[in-house]
Amino acid sequence: MLILFLGGIINAQLNEVKQLKLLEKKYDSILISYQKKAKDSLSHMTKKERNEIMAREEAKIIERRKIEEYAQLEKIKGEELGSDIFKLPRKYLKCEMEGNFKMPDLLVKTKYKPTVSKVSDENLEGGGGSLESVATFYTTADGYIRNVNTTGENNDFNKQIELTLYRIEKILPRCINGFSKLDKYSMPVKMNFKN
């Protein structure tokens, strides 16, 4: 009975991660559709005017997306808190000893290409700097990423790192002496901005 309950908790979290991926696809298609319609309906304007309007509207859509993604992140974390009530035994799984560990691709692949406005480009000039954060997370014996937390000064940057790691969902777990187990990782992340 306990196994069925714990399996339900893990599946609930996996469903929340799947919902996060569906949100990403949904907003990509909304943005792409908007761009196509806006280019047609604003074709009478100059390219500069059209890009300014499109960039503003896309920013509004992206802000709605961010709000929904952050709400979904809270659901994922809520599911994890529910499963942390029980101290799960460390599960060991047989694995193949491979030296070919491949880091997952962390770049978000999207068909949407943002519209760039000259006005927004001019506002960004002189804005060098960097953002730093440290992400800690666990990988289960079967490779699922769990309990992602970040520490850093910029809350939006921290949440974007957490969302990126949850979107990966599953990686090849570390194999030691023919067995994989629950592992904790710490990963520093730094993003530099150049003029």
Protein backbone atom coordinates (compact mmCIF):
# COMPACT_ATOMS: atom_id res chain seq x y z
CA MET A 1 0.00 0.00 0.00
CA LEU A 2 2.82 2.40 0.90
CA ILE A 3 4.54 1.63 -2.42
CA LEU A 4 1.39 2.55 -4.36
CA PHE A 5 1.05 5.79 -2.39
CA LEU A 6 4.70 6.77 -2.95
CA GLY A 7 4.44 5.85 -6.63
CA GLY A 8 1.40 8.14 -6.86
CA ILE A 9 3.36 11.03 -5.34
CA ILE A 10 6.24 10.57 -7.80
CA ASN A 11 3.81 10.30 -10.73
CA ALA A 12 2.04 13.46 -9.57
CA GLN A 13 5.32 15.34 -9.64
CA LEU A 14 6.17 13.92 -13.06
CA ASN A 15 2.77 15.12 -14.29
CA GLU A 16 3.53 18.61 -12.97
CA VAL A 17 6.86 18.60 -14.86
CA LYS A 18 5.02 17.49 -18.01
CA GLN A 19 2.59 20.37 -17.53
CA LEU A 20 5.59 22.72 -17.36
CA LYS A 21 6.78 21.44 -20.74
CA LEU A 22 3.28 21.82 -22.19
CA LEU A 23 3.19 25.44 -20.98
CA GLU A 24 6.42 26.10 -22.85
CA LYS A 25 5.01 24.67 -26.09
CA LYS A 26 1.72 26.53 -25.62
CA TYR A 27 3.37 29.92 -25.28
CA ASP A 28 5.82 29.27 -28.10
CA SER A 29 2.90 28.61 -30.42
CA ILE A 30 1.04 31.70 -29.12
CA LEU A 31 4.09 33.89 -29.77
CA ILE A 32 4.74 32.45 -33.23
CA SER A 33 1.07 32.88 -34.16
CA TYR A 34 1.11 36.46 -32.87
CA GLN A 35 4.19 37.30 -34.94
CA LYS A 36 2.62 35.98 -38.14
CA LYS A 37 -0.64 37.87 -37.58
CA ALA A 38 1.11 41.08 -36.47
CA LYS A 39 3.41 41.15 -39.51
CA ASP A 40 0.36 40.96 -41.76
CA SER A 41 -1.82 43.43 -39.87
CA LEU A 42 0.99 45.94 -39.28
CA SER A 43 2.48 45.69 -42.77
CA HIS A 44 1.46 49.28 -43.58
CA MET A 45 3.90 50.60 -40.94
CA THR A 46 7.63 51.03 -41.20
CA LYS A 47 9.74 48.12 -39.97
CA LYS A 48 10.93 50.16 -36.97
CA GLU A 49 7.38 51.05 -35.88
CA ARG A 50 6.16 47.48 -36.43
CA ASN A 51 9.05 46.01 -34.42
CA GLU A 52 8.44 48.42 -31.52
CA ILE A 53 4.77 47.42 -31.29
CA MET A 54 5.52 43.72 -31.71
CA ALA A 55 8.31 43.75 -29.10
CA ARG A 56 5.96 45.42 -26.55
CA GLU A 57 3.16 42.92 -27.18
CA GLU A 58 5.54 39.95 -27.07
CA ALA A 59 6.89 41.23 -23.74
CA LYS A 60 3.32 41.15 -22.34
CA ILE A 61 2.82 37.56 -23.54
CA ILE A 62 6.21 36.54 -22.11
CA GLU A 63 5.26 38.10 -18.76
CA ARG A 64 2.03 36.02 -18.69
CA ARG A 65 4.11 32.95 -19.54
CA LYS A 66 6.52 33.69 -16.71
CA ILE A 67 3.66 34.01 -14.21
CA GLU A 68 2.20 30.65 -15.28
CA GLU A 69 5.63 28.96 -15.24
CA TYR A 70 6.36 30.26 -11.73
CA ALA A 71 2.96 28.99 -10.54
CA GLN A 72 3.76 25.59 -12.09
CA LEU A 73 7.17 25.63 -10.37
CA GLU A 74 5.39 26.13 -7.03
CA LYS A 75 3.15 23.12 -7.81
CA ILE A 76 6.21 20.98 -8.55
CA LYS A 77 7.84 22.06 -5.31
CA GLY A 78 4.57 21.43 -3.45
CA GLU A 79 4.52 17.86 -4.77
CA GLU A 80 8.10 17.42 -3.58
CA LEU A 81 7.24 18.69 -0.10
CA GLY A 82 4.42 16.14 0.02
CA SER A 83 6.85 13.35 -0.82
CA ASP A 84 9.46 14.59 1.68
CA ILE A 85 7.15 13.73 4.57
CA PHE A 86 8.35 10.18 4.18
CA LYS A 87 12.07 9.56 4.27
CA LEU A 88 12.40 7.39 1.22
CA PRO A 89 14.98 4.61 1.51
CA ARG A 90 17.97 5.07 -0.76
CA LYS A 91 17.27 2.86 -3.72
CA TYR A 92 20.16 1.30 -5.63
CA LEU A 93 19.82 0.18 -9.23
CA LYS A 94 22.21 -1.90 -11.32
CA CYS A 95 23.83 0.10 -14.07
CA GLU A 96 26.47 -0.23 -16.74
CA MET A 97 29.85 1.25 -15.93
CA GLU A 98 30.28 3.83 -18.67
CA GLY A 99 32.87 6.57 -18.83
CA ASN A 100 30.83 8.47 -21.39
CA PHE A 101 28.87 10.83 -19.15
CA LYS A 102 27.17 13.45 -21.27
CA MET A 103 25.96 16.69 -19.73
CA PRO A 104 22.36 17.37 -20.77
CA ASP A 105 21.75 20.25 -23.14
CA LEU A 106 20.49 23.10 -20.95
CA LEU A 107 19.63 25.45 -23.81
CA VAL A 108 15.93 25.87 -24.43
CA LYS A 109 15.15 24.99 -28.03
CA THR A 110 12.28 27.00 -29.40
CA LYS A 111 10.95 27.94 -32.80
CA TYR A 112 10.03 31.40 -31.48
CA LYS A 113 12.53 34.16 -32.28
CA PRO A 114 11.86 37.37 -30.33
CA THR A 115 11.25 40.60 -32.19
CA VAL A 116 13.98 43.12 -31.42
CA SER A 117 13.13 46.78 -31.31
CA LYS A 118 15.70 49.53 -31.89
CA VAL A 119 14.26 51.37 -28.88
CA SER A 120 14.81 48.40 -26.55
CA ASP A 121 18.34 47.92 -27.95
CA GLU A 122 19.20 51.55 -27.19
CA ASN A 123 17.86 51.19 -23.62
CA LEU A 124 20.13 48.19 -22.99
CA GLU A 125 23.40 49.85 -23.99
CA GLY A 126 25.94 50.18 -21.19
CA GLY A 127 24.22 47.38 -19.25
CA GLY A 128 27.15 45.06 -18.59
CA GLY A 129 27.32 42.93 -15.47
CA SER A 130 26.66 39.41 -14.32
CA LEU A 131 24.25 37.22 -12.40
CA GLU A 132 25.34 34.35 -10.16
CA SER A 133 23.53 31.53 -8.44
CA VAL A 134 24.20 28.06 -7.08
CA ALA A 135 21.73 25.29 -7.90
CA THR A 136 21.49 22.19 -5.71
CA PHE A 137 19.45 19.18 -6.80
CA TYR A 138 19.15 15.43 -6.42
CA THR A 139 19.14 12.76 -9.08
CA THR A 140 17.34 9.56 -8.20
CA ALA A 141 18.79 6.12 -8.91
CA ASP A 142 16.76 6.04 -12.14
CA GLY A 143 17.96 9.53 -13.20
CA TYR A 144 15.04 11.84 -12.35
CA ILE A 145 15.91 15.35 -11.17
CA ARG A 146 14.29 16.26 -7.85
CA ASN A 147 14.35 18.95 -5.15
CA VAL A 148 15.94 21.74 -7.18
CA ASN A 149 16.85 24.79 -5.10
CA THR A 150 18.89 27.86 -5.94
CA THR A 151 20.64 30.53 -3.94
CA GLY A 152 21.53 33.83 -5.51
CA GLU A 153 20.64 37.50 -5.35
CA ASN A 154 18.34 37.67 -8.39
CA ASN A 155 15.06 35.83 -7.74
CA ASP A 156 14.05 35.68 -11.44
CA PHE A 157 17.44 34.23 -12.41
CA ASN A 158 17.11 31.62 -9.64
CA LYS A 159 13.64 30.57 -10.79
CA GLN A 160 14.74 30.34 -14.43
CA ILE A 161 17.57 27.99 -13.40
CA GLU A 162 15.11 25.84 -11.44
CA LEU A 163 12.69 25.73 -14.38
CA THR A 164 15.51 24.75 -16.75
CA LEU A 165 16.64 21.88 -14.52
CA TYR A 166 13.08 20.58 -14.06
CA ARG A 167 12.54 20.69 -17.83
CA ILE A 168 15.49 18.31 -18.25
CA GLU A 169 13.51 15.91 -16.05
CA LYS A 170 15.85 12.93 -16.40
CA ILE A 171 19.61 12.43 -16.85
CA LEU A 172 21.99 9.50 -16.84
CA PRO A 173 22.72 8.87 -13.14
CA ARG A 174 26.24 8.37 -11.82
CA CYS A 175 27.26 4.70 -11.78
CA ILE A 176 29.66 3.55 -9.05
CA ASN A 177 30.73 -0.11 -8.79
CA GLY A 178 27.85 -1.15 -11.04
CA PHE A 179 25.10 0.63 -9.08
CA SER A 180 23.40 4.01 -9.33
CA LYS A 181 21.89 5.70 -6.30
CA LEU A 182 20.35 8.95 -5.11
CA ASP A 183 22.97 11.70 -5.48
CA LYS A 184 23.07 15.36 -4.53
CA TYR A 185 24.69 17.85 -6.88
CA SER A 186 25.67 21.47 -6.53
CA MET A 187 26.13 23.53 -9.69
CA PRO A 188 27.31 27.15 -9.80
CA VAL A 189 25.75 29.19 -12.60
CA LYS A 190 27.04 32.54 -13.82
CA MET A 191 25.70 34.66 -16.68
CA ASN A 192 27.73 37.60 -17.98
CA PHE A 193 26.24 40.51 -19.90
CA LYS A 194 28.40 42.45 -22.29
CA ASN A 195 27.74 45.80 -23.92
